Amino acid sequence: MERGSSINEALVAFTADAPADPYAAVLMNYYYNTIDNAWVLTVGVAYGKPDPNPPIFQNLTRPPYVASSFAISSLTTVTANFATSNPSGFRQTSWTLTIHNDASLISKIVEIFKEEADPIKFLSLPGLLLQPITLNMISHFSGNGGNALGITDEDGPLILISVSIRWNSTHDDEQIMKAARNIINRSNNTACSLGLGHRFIYQNYAAAEQDVFQSYGQENHERLRAVSAKYDPENIFGKLQPGYFKL
């Protein structure tokens, strides 16, 4: 974990350089390991070709590490490994925010995460996941009818952050939710104070109280409502889908 700052810088460099190699993808996860009683950083890399050492990953794979599963593998094996490290049966909450690509800001958000998660680290499994939204990804957003997410080439590259917490007891619900909310609010405030915040809220990672569609911008929100009214005037899809986010 003490090498986190240099890895954050490597993530930012990868995010900026990603258009040079569209086969590469990266995600990073900070979490608390109760077995070792320590904050841990994991780096996940994926490559769309069977290359044992893609140059674009070198800044991320070069620093010393405790363990590695870096290998050419099948998607089936990778999926099985994810299932092993993400057991079912827990209560879970997920929250998200988006920031501009800045290593210093990432380090500040990691410290906020650790501060707010510290009181709950023995009650739960708190994690902070970072994933790049690269310029080559953004370039595809406008295809097939246009971009409704409110992200433009001028915005990027960006970093998508999610706070995910798993726990066992309903008695801890309020404390867990408060910690998650504080992480997001403090991180957003810090990012915006530095001019590095972005309004986009990723629906798949958002908490129920986060305003997903409004984060796309008023014009896009109204456009989505118009599309819904045109193709689903009786709101069949809205009625058949219980809960979740509604336009």
C-alpha atoms as a PDB file:
ATOM      1  CA  MET A   1       0.000   0.000   0.000  1.00  0.00           C
ATOM      2  CA  GLU A   2       2.954   2.313   0.606  1.00  0.00           C
ATOM      3  CA  ARG A   3       3.580   2.272  -3.158  1.00  0.00           C
ATOM      4  CA  GLY A   4       0.060   3.464  -3.851  1.00  0.00           C
ATOM      5  CA  SER A   5       1.086   6.938  -5.026  1.00  0.00           C
ATOM      6  CA  SER A   6       3.415   5.588  -7.710  1.00  0.00           C
ATOM      7  CA  ILE A   7       0.757   3.117  -8.860  1.00  0.00           C
ATOM      8  CA  ASN A   8      -1.793   5.942  -8.984  1.00  0.00           C
ATOM      9  CA  GLU A   9       0.607   7.833 -11.257  1.00  0.00           C
ATOM     10  CA  ALA A  10       0.993   4.719 -13.408  1.00  0.00           C
ATOM     11  CA  LEU A  11      -2.802   4.425 -13.704  1.00  0.00           C
ATOM     12  CA  VAL A  12      -3.067   8.068 -14.784  1.00  0.00           C
ATOM     13  CA  ALA A  13      -0.302   7.547 -17.359  1.00  0.00           C
ATOM     14  CA  PHE A  14      -2.042   4.430 -18.684  1.00  0.00           C
ATOM     15  CA  THR A  15      -5.360   6.284 -18.933  1.00  0.00           C
ATOM     16  CA  ALA A  16      -3.727   9.071 -20.943  1.00  0.00           C
ATOM     17  CA  ASP A  17      -1.810   6.661 -23.196  1.00  0.00           C
ATOM     18  CA  ALA A  18      -4.600   4.099 -23.682  1.00  0.00           C
ATOM     19  CA  PRO A  19      -5.618   5.244 -27.198  1.00  0.00           C
ATOM     20  CA  ALA A  20      -2.250   3.950 -28.416  1.00  0.00           C
ATOM     21  CA  ASP A  21      -3.277   0.376 -27.523  1.00  0.00           C
ATOM     22  CA  PRO A  22      -7.019  -0.394 -27.660  1.00  0.00           C
ATOM     23  CA  TYR A  23      -6.450  -3.997 -26.539  1.00  0.00           C
ATOM     24  CA  ALA A  24      -5.498  -2.933 -22.997  1.00  0.00           C
ATOM     25  CA  ALA A  25      -7.727  -2.412 -19.957  1.00  0.00           C
ATOM     26  CA  VAL A  26      -6.930  -1.779 -16.297  1.00  0.00           C
ATOM     27  CA  LEU A  27      -8.754  -1.617 -12.994  1.00  0.00           C
ATOM     28  CA  MET A  28      -7.389  -0.954  -9.509  1.00  0.00           C
ATOM     29  CA  ASN A  29      -8.900  -1.838  -6.160  1.00  0.00           C
ATOM     30  CA  TYR A  30      -8.012  -0.585  -2.683  1.00  0.00           C
ATOM     31  CA  TYR A  31      -9.504  -2.695   0.108  1.00  0.00           C
ATOM     32  CA  TYR A  32      -8.945  -3.813   3.693  1.00  0.00           C
ATOM     33  CA  ASN A  33      -7.579  -7.317   4.257  1.00  0.00           C
ATOM     34  CA  THR A  34      -8.743  -8.467   7.691  1.00  0.00           C
ATOM     35  CA  ILE A  35      -6.498 -11.544   7.605  1.00  0.00           C
ATOM     36  CA  ASP A  36      -3.314  -9.482   7.318  1.00  0.00           C
ATOM     37  CA  ASN A  37      -4.810  -6.448   9.108  1.00  0.00           C
ATOM     38  CA  ALA A  38      -3.665  -4.160   6.308  1.00  0.00           C
ATOM     39  CA  TRP A  39      -4.889  -1.964   3.485  1.00  0.00           C
ATOM     40  CA  VAL A  40      -4.146  -3.643   0.173  1.00  0.00           C
ATOM     41  CA  LEU A  41      -3.939  -2.465  -3.428  1.00  0.00           C
ATOM     42  CA  THR A  42      -4.608  -4.848  -6.302  1.00  0.00           C
ATOM     43  CA  VAL A  43      -4.117  -4.074  -9.984  1.00  0.00           C
ATOM     44  CA  GLY A  44      -6.095  -5.982 -12.593  1.00  0.00           C
ATOM     45  CA  VAL A  45      -4.949  -5.866 -16.200  1.00  0.00           C
ATOM     46  CA  ALA A  46      -6.606  -7.387 -19.254  1.00  0.00           C
ATOM     47  CA  TYR A  47      -5.338  -7.626 -22.808  1.00  0.00           C
ATOM     48  CA  GLY A  48      -7.220  -8.672 -25.924  1.00  0.00           C
ATOM     49  CA  LYS A  49      -4.296 -10.576 -27.421  1.00  0.00           C
ATOM     50  CA  PRO A  50      -2.203 -13.467 -26.020  1.00  0.00           C
ATOM     51  CA  ASP A  51       0.787 -11.211 -25.287  1.00  0.00           C
ATOM     52  CA  PRO A  52       2.641 -12.235 -22.078  1.00  0.00           C
ATOM     53  CA  ASN A  53       3.963  -8.726 -21.356  1.00  0.00           C
ATOM     54  CA  PRO A  54       2.291  -5.821 -23.192  1.00  0.00           C
ATOM     55  CA  PRO A  55       4.514  -2.714 -22.985  1.00  0.00           C
ATOM     56  CA  ILE A  56       1.608  -0.470 -22.011  1.00  0.00           C
ATOM     57  CA  PHE A  57       1.327  -2.299 -18.653  1.00  0.00           C
ATOM     58  CA  GLN A  58       4.998  -2.017 -17.670  1.00  0.00           C
ATOM     59  CA  ASN A  59       4.582   0.924 -15.293  1.00  0.00           C
ATOM     60  CA  LEU A  60       1.872  -1.045 -13.486  1.00  0.00           C
ATOM     61  CA  THR A  61       3.599  -4.438 -13.393  1.00  0.00           C
ATOM     62  CA  ARG A  62       7.187  -3.289 -12.764  1.00  0.00           C
ATOM     63  CA  PRO A  63       6.859  -2.235  -9.065  1.00  0.00           C
ATOM     64  CA  PRO A  64       7.425  -4.978  -6.449  1.00  0.00           C
ATOM     65  CA  TYR A  65       4.306  -6.900  -5.465  1.00  0.00           C
ATOM     66  CA  VAL A  66       3.297  -9.503  -2.890  1.00  0.00           C
ATOM     67  CA  ALA A  67       1.540 -11.900  -5.276  1.00  0.00           C
ATOM     68  CA  SER A  68       0.666 -12.157  -8.954  1.00  0.00           C
ATOM     69  CA  SER A  69      -1.736 -14.161 -11.113  1.00  0.00           C
ATOM     70  CA  PHE A  70      -0.507 -12.464 -14.302  1.00  0.00           C
ATOM     71  CA  ALA A  71      -0.897 -15.040 -17.084  1.00  0.00           C
ATOM     72  CA  ILE A  72      -2.448 -15.741 -20.454  1.00  0.00           C
ATOM     73  CA  SER A  73      -5.800 -17.272 -19.548  1.00  0.00           C
ATOM     74  CA  SER A  74      -9.315 -17.971 -20.787  1.00  0.00           C
ATOM     75  CA  LEU A  75     -12.326 -15.858 -19.912  1.00  0.00           C
ATOM     76  CA  THR A  76     -13.820 -18.925 -18.208  1.00  0.00           C
ATOM     77  CA  THR A  77     -10.858 -19.165 -15.833  1.00  0.00           C
ATOM     78  CA  VAL A  78     -10.898 -15.448 -15.114  1.00  0.00           C
ATOM     79  CA  THR A  79     -14.622 -15.586 -14.349  1.00  0.00           C
ATOM     80  CA  ALA A  80     -14.109 -18.515 -11.965  1.00  0.00           C
ATOM     81  CA  ASN A  81     -11.352 -16.605 -10.169  1.00  0.00           C
ATOM     82  CA  PHE A  82     -13.633 -13.600  -9.763  1.00  0.00           C
ATOM     83  CA  ALA A  83     -16.321 -15.840  -8.294  1.00  0.00           C
ATOM     84  CA  THR A  84     -13.843 -17.226  -5.760  1.00  0.00           C
ATOM     85  CA  SER A  85     -12.749 -13.769  -4.609  1.00  0.00           C
ATOM     86  CA  ASN A  86     -16.312 -12.400  -4.547  1.00  0.00           C
ATOM     87  CA  PRO A  87     -18.398 -14.870  -2.512  1.00  0.00           C
ATOM     88  CA  SER A  88     -22.178 -14.528  -2.400  1.00  0.00           C
ATOM     89  CA  GLY A  89     -24.436 -14.236   0.620  1.00  0.00           C
ATOM     90  CA  PHE A  90     -23.468 -10.758   1.838  1.00  0.00           C
ATOM     91  CA  ARG A  91     -25.403  -7.541   2.125  1.00  0.00           C
ATOM     92  CA  GLN A  92     -23.872  -5.047  -0.302  1.00  0.00           C
ATOM     93  CA  THR A  93     -23.969  -1.399  -1.275  1.00  0.00           C
ATOM     94  CA  SER A  94     -22.365   0.317  -4.245  1.00  0.00           C
ATOM     95  CA  TRP A  95     -21.807   4.047  -4.864  1.00  0.00           C
ATOM     96  CA  THR A  96     -19.960   5.896  -7.603  1.00  0.00           C
ATOM     97  CA  LEU A  97     -18.441   9.142  -8.813  1.00  0.00           C
ATOM     98  CA  THR A  98     -16.385  10.271 -11.796  1.00  0.00           C
ATOM     99  CA  ILE A  99     -13.276  12.461 -11.760  1.00  0.00           C
ATOM    100  CA  HIS A 100     -10.748  13.812 -14.205  1.00  0.00           C
ATOM    101  CA  ASN A 101      -7.506  11.895 -14.681  1.00  0.00           C
ATOM    102  CA  ASP A 102      -5.264  13.204 -11.882  1.00  0.00           C
ATOM    103  CA  ALA A 103      -2.924  11.177  -9.638  1.00  0.00           C
ATOM    104  CA  SER A 104      -2.847  13.685  -6.772  1.00  0.00           C
ATOM    105  CA  LEU A 105      -6.645  13.699  -6.591  1.00  0.00           C
ATOM    106  CA  ILE A 106      -6.755   9.894  -6.631  1.00  0.00           C
ATOM    107  CA  SER A 107      -4.349   9.826  -3.666  1.00  0.00           C
ATOM    108  CA  LYS A 108      -6.565  12.283  -1.767  1.00  0.00           C
ATOM    109  CA  ILE A 109      -9.648  10.149  -2.441  1.00  0.00           C
ATOM    110  CA  VAL A 110      -7.825   7.014  -1.275  1.00  0.00           C
ATOM    111  CA  GLU A 111      -7.049   8.767   2.026  1.00  0.00           C
ATOM    112  CA  ILE A 112     -10.697   9.819   2.376  1.00  0.00           C
ATOM    113  CA  PHE A 113     -11.736   6.217   1.714  1.00  0.00           C
ATOM    114  CA  LYS A 114      -9.372   4.883   4.378  1.00  0.00           C
ATOM    115  CA  GLU A 115     -10.493   7.462   6.951  1.00  0.00           C
ATOM    116  CA  GLU A 116     -14.201   6.821   6.467  1.00  0.00           C
ATOM    117  CA  ALA A 117     -13.867   3.044   6.104  1.00  0.00           C
ATOM    118  CA  ASP A 118     -11.590   2.640   9.135  1.00  0.00           C
ATOM    119  CA  PRO A 119     -14.446   2.450  11.708  1.00  0.00           C
ATOM    120  CA  ILE A 120     -16.208  -0.266   9.686  1.00  0.00           C
ATOM    121  CA  LYS A 121     -13.243  -2.272   8.423  1.00  0.00           C
ATOM    122  CA  PHE A 122     -13.844  -5.138  10.878  1.00  0.00           C
ATOM    123  CA  LEU A 123     -17.605  -5.133  10.247  1.00  0.00           C
ATOM    124  CA  SER A 124     -17.400  -5.261   6.476  1.00  0.00           C
ATOM    125  CA  LEU A 125     -15.333  -5.646   3.309  1.00  0.00           C
ATOM    126  CA  PRO A 126     -14.858  -2.073   2.009  1.00  0.00           C
ATOM    127  CA  GLY A 127     -13.385  -1.561  -1.450  1.00  0.00           C
ATOM    128  CA  LEU A 128     -12.498   1.409  -3.662  1.00  0.00           C
ATOM    129  CA  LEU A 129     -12.386   0.503  -7.358  1.00  0.00           C
ATOM    130  CA  LEU A 130     -10.862   2.756 -10.042  1.00  0.00           C
ATOM    131  CA  GLN A 131     -11.395   2.225 -13.777  1.00  0.00           C
ATOM    132  CA  PRO A 132     -10.287   4.467 -16.659  1.00  0.00           C
ATOM    133  CA  ILE A 133     -12.753   5.973 -19.107  1.00  0.00           C
ATOM    134  CA  THR A 134     -10.276   6.505 -21.921  1.00  0.00           C
ATOM    135  CA  LEU A 135     -10.501   8.751 -24.947  1.00  0.00           C
ATOM    136  CA  ASN A 136     -10.832   5.757 -27.254  1.00  0.00           C
ATOM    137  CA  MET A 137     -13.805   4.559 -25.181  1.00  0.00           C
ATOM    138  CA  ILE A 138     -15.405   8.002 -25.288  1.00  0.00           C
ATOM    139  CA  SER A 139     -14.913   8.177 -29.054  1.00  0.00           C
ATOM    140  CA  HIS A 140     -17.389   5.290 -29.439  1.00  0.00           C
ATOM    141  CA  PHE A 141     -20.071   6.823 -27.199  1.00  0.00           C
ATOM    142  CA  SER A 142     -21.548   8.932 -29.982  1.00  0.00           C
ATOM    143  CA  GLY A 143     -22.223   6.019 -32.350  1.00  0.00           C
ATOM    144  CA  ASN A 144     -25.639   4.486 -33.007  1.00  0.00           C
ATOM    145  CA  GLY A 145     -27.803   7.520 -32.406  1.00  0.00           C
ATOM    146  CA  GLY A 146     -25.618   9.752 -30.277  1.00  0.00           C
ATOM    147  CA  ASN A 147     -24.279   9.962 -26.746  1.00  0.00           C
ATOM    148  CA  ALA A 148     -26.858  10.270 -23.960  1.00  0.00           C
ATOM    149  CA  LEU A 149     -24.337  10.060 -21.106  1.00  0.00           C
ATOM    150  CA  GLY A 150     -23.183  13.665 -21.198  1.00  0.00           C
ATOM    151  CA  ILE A 151     -19.512  12.743 -21.716  1.00  0.00           C
ATOM    152  CA  THR A 152     -17.601  14.343 -24.592  1.00  0.00           C
ATOM    153  CA  ASP A 153     -14.097  14.039 -26.015  1.00  0.00           C
ATOM    154  CA  GLU A 154     -13.318  17.369 -24.353  1.00  0.00           C
ATOM    155  CA  ASP A 155     -14.135  15.882 -20.932  1.00  0.00           C
ATOM    156  CA  GLY A 156     -11.836  12.908 -21.113  1.00  0.00           C
ATOM    157  CA  PRO A 157      -9.970  10.967 -20.165  1.00  0.00           C
ATOM    158  CA  LEU A 158     -11.780  10.287 -16.896  1.00  0.00           C
ATOM    159  CA  ILE A 159     -11.567   7.912 -13.950  1.00  0.00           C
ATOM    160  CA  LEU A 160     -14.672   6.022 -12.827  1.00  0.00           C
ATOM    161  CA  ILE A 161     -14.624   5.329  -9.085  1.00  0.00           C
ATOM    162  CA  SER A 162     -16.897   2.975  -7.203  1.00  0.00           C
ATOM    163  CA  VAL A 163     -17.212   2.326  -3.488  1.00  0.00           C
ATOM    164  CA  SER A 164     -18.396  -1.201  -2.808  1.00  0.00           C
ATOM    165  CA  ILE A 165     -18.993  -2.541   0.697  1.00  0.00           C
ATOM    166  CA  ARG A 166     -20.141  -6.015   1.744  1.00  0.00           C
ATOM    167  CA  TRP A 167     -21.238  -6.948   5.255  1.00  0.00           C
ATOM    168  CA  ASN A 168     -23.209  -9.550   7.205  1.00  0.00           C
ATOM    169  CA  SER A 169     -25.533  -7.986   9.757  1.00  0.00           C
ATOM    170  CA  THR A 170     -28.581  -5.766   9.273  1.00  0.00           C
ATOM    171  CA  HIS A 171     -27.595  -4.092  12.551  1.00  0.00           C
ATOM    172  CA  ASP A 172     -24.674  -2.480  10.734  1.00  0.00           C
ATOM    173  CA  ASP A 173     -26.715  -1.098   7.829  1.00  0.00           C
ATOM    174  CA  GLU A 174     -26.891   2.505   9.032  1.00  0.00           C
ATOM    175  CA  GLN A 175     -23.195   2.746   9.893  1.00  0.00           C
ATOM    176  CA  ILE A 176     -22.132   1.165   6.599  1.00  0.00           C
ATOM    177  CA  MET A 177     -24.367   3.399   4.500  1.00  0.00           C
ATOM    178  CA  LYS A 178     -23.187   6.502   6.355  1.00  0.00           C
ATOM    179  CA  ALA A 179     -19.548   5.608   5.674  1.00  0.00           C
ATOM    180  CA  ALA A 180     -20.204   5.005   1.971  1.00  0.00           C
ATOM    181  CA  ARG A 181     -22.159   8.247   1.636  1.00  0.00           C
ATOM    182  CA  ASN A 182     -19.390  10.202   3.379  1.00  0.00           C
ATOM    183  CA  ILE A 183     -16.725   8.742   1.085  1.00  0.00           C
ATOM    184  CA  ILE A 184     -18.640   9.809  -2.009  1.00  0.00           C
ATOM    185  CA  ASN A 185     -19.634  13.251  -0.725  1.00  0.00           C
ATOM    186  CA  ARG A 186     -16.162  14.131   0.561  1.00  0.00           C
ATOM    187  CA  SER A 187     -14.509  12.801  -2.601  1.00  0.00           C
ATOM    188  CA  ASN A 188     -16.879  14.753  -4.844  1.00  0.00           C
ATOM    189  CA  ASN A 189     -16.347  17.927  -2.833  1.00  0.00           C
ATOM    190  CA  THR A 190     -12.571  17.511  -3.006  1.00  0.00           C
ATOM    191  CA  ALA A 191     -12.619  16.863  -6.759  1.00  0.00           C
ATOM    192  CA  CYS A 192     -14.893  19.829  -7.470  1.00  0.00           C
ATOM    193  CA  SER A 193     -12.835  22.151  -5.269  1.00  0.00           C
ATOM    194  CA  LEU A 194      -9.831  21.352  -7.484  1.00  0.00           C
ATOM    195  CA  GLY A 195     -11.795  21.724 -10.716  1.00  0.00           C
ATOM    196  CA  LEU A 196     -11.407  17.989 -11.352  1.00  0.00           C
ATOM    197  CA  GLY A 197     -14.921  16.709 -10.683  1.00  0.00           C
ATOM    198  CA  HIS A 198     -17.331  15.402 -13.308  1.00  0.00           C
ATOM    199  CA  ARG A 199     -21.105  15.074 -12.966  1.00  0.00           C
ATOM    200  CA  PHE A 200     -21.437  11.636 -14.627  1.00  0.00           C
ATOM    201  CA  ILE A 201     -22.861   8.905 -12.381  1.00  0.00           C
ATOM    202  CA  TYR A 202     -22.464   5.374 -13.757  1.00  0.00           C
ATOM    203  CA  GLN A 203     -25.812   3.622 -13.392  1.00  0.00           C
ATOM    204  CA  ASN A 204     -24.488   0.106 -12.741  1.00  0.00           C
ATOM    205  CA  TYR A 205     -22.501   1.236  -9.680  1.00  0.00           C
ATOM    206  CA  ALA A 206     -24.869   3.926  -8.377  1.00  0.00           C
ATOM    207  CA  ALA A 207     -26.640   3.900  -5.018  1.00  0.00           C
ATOM    208  CA  ALA A 208     -30.421   4.298  -4.930  1.00  0.00           C
ATOM    209  CA  GLU A 209     -30.173   7.893  -3.701  1.00  0.00           C
ATOM    210  CA  GLN A 210     -27.801   9.000  -6.472  1.00  0.00           C
ATOM    211  CA  ASP A 211     -29.477  10.908  -9.326  1.00  0.00           C
ATOM    212  CA  VAL A 212     -28.212   8.952 -12.323  1.00  0.00           C
ATOM    213  CA  PHE A 213     -30.184  10.408 -15.207  1.00  0.00           C
ATOM    214  CA  GLN A 214     -29.861  13.994 -14.035  1.00  0.00           C
ATOM    215  CA  SER A 215     -26.087  13.488 -14.111  1.00  0.00           C
ATOM    216  CA  TYR A 216     -26.330  13.050 -17.890  1.00  0.00           C
ATOM    217  CA  GLY A 217     -27.423  16.695 -18.176  1.00  0.00           C
ATOM    218  CA  GLN A 218     -30.901  18.169 -18.562  1.00  0.00           C
ATOM    219  CA  GLU A 219     -30.917  17.966 -22.366  1.00  0.00           C
ATOM    220  CA  ASN A 220     -29.981  14.282 -22.406  1.00  0.00           C
ATOM    221  CA  HIS A 221     -32.442  13.477 -19.626  1.00  0.00           C
ATOM    222  CA  GLU A 222     -35.275  15.095 -21.578  1.00  0.00           C
ATOM    223  CA  ARG A 223     -34.196  13.279 -24.735  1.00  0.00           C
ATOM    224  CA  LEU A 224     -34.340   9.913 -22.958  1.00  0.00           C
ATOM    225  CA  ARG A 225     -37.796  10.741 -21.633  1.00  0.00           C
ATOM    226  CA  ALA A 226     -38.915  11.591 -25.173  1.00  0.00           C
ATOM    227  CA  VAL A 227     -37.536   8.303 -26.532  1.00  0.00           C
ATOM    228  CA  SER A 228     -39.305   6.407 -23.749  1.00  0.00           C
ATOM    229  CA  ALA A 229     -42.591   8.191 -24.475  1.00  0.00           C
ATOM    230  CA  LYS A 230     -42.278   7.437 -28.189  1.00  0.00           C
ATOM    231  CA  TYR A 231     -41.427   3.742 -28.015  1.00  0.00           C
ATOM    232  CA  ASP A 232     -43.046   2.805 -24.692  1.00  0.00           C
ATOM    233  CA  PRO A 233     -45.996   5.212 -24.305  1.00  0.00           C
ATOM    234  CA  GLU A 234     -47.705   2.979 -21.740  1.00  0.00           C
ATOM    235  CA  ASN A 235     -44.490   2.608 -19.704  1.00  0.00           C
ATOM    236  CA  ILE A 236     -44.559  -1.181 -19.937  1.00  0.00           C
ATOM    237  CA  PHE A 237     -40.832  -1.512 -19.313  1.00  0.00           C
ATOM    238  CA  GLY A 238     -41.030   0.845 -16.358  1.00  0.00           C
ATOM    239  CA  LYS A 239     -43.864  -1.145 -14.786  1.00  0.00           C
ATOM    240  CA  LEU A 240     -42.383  -4.592 -15.428  1.00  0.00           C
ATOM    241  CA  GLN A 241     -39.041  -3.594 -13.897  1.00  0.00           C
ATOM    242  CA  PRO A 242     -39.506  -3.276 -10.129  1.00  0.00           C
ATOM    243  CA  GLY A 243     -37.304  -0.689  -8.456  1.00  0.00           C
ATOM    244  CA  TYR A 244     -34.052   0.476 -10.023  1.00  0.00           C
ATOM    245  CA  PHE A 245     -33.609   3.885 -11.664  1.00  0.00           C
ATOM    246  CA  LYS A 246     -36.535   5.465 -13.495  1.00  0.00           C
ATOM    247  CA  LEU A 247     -36.497   8.211 -16.112  1.00  0.00           C
END
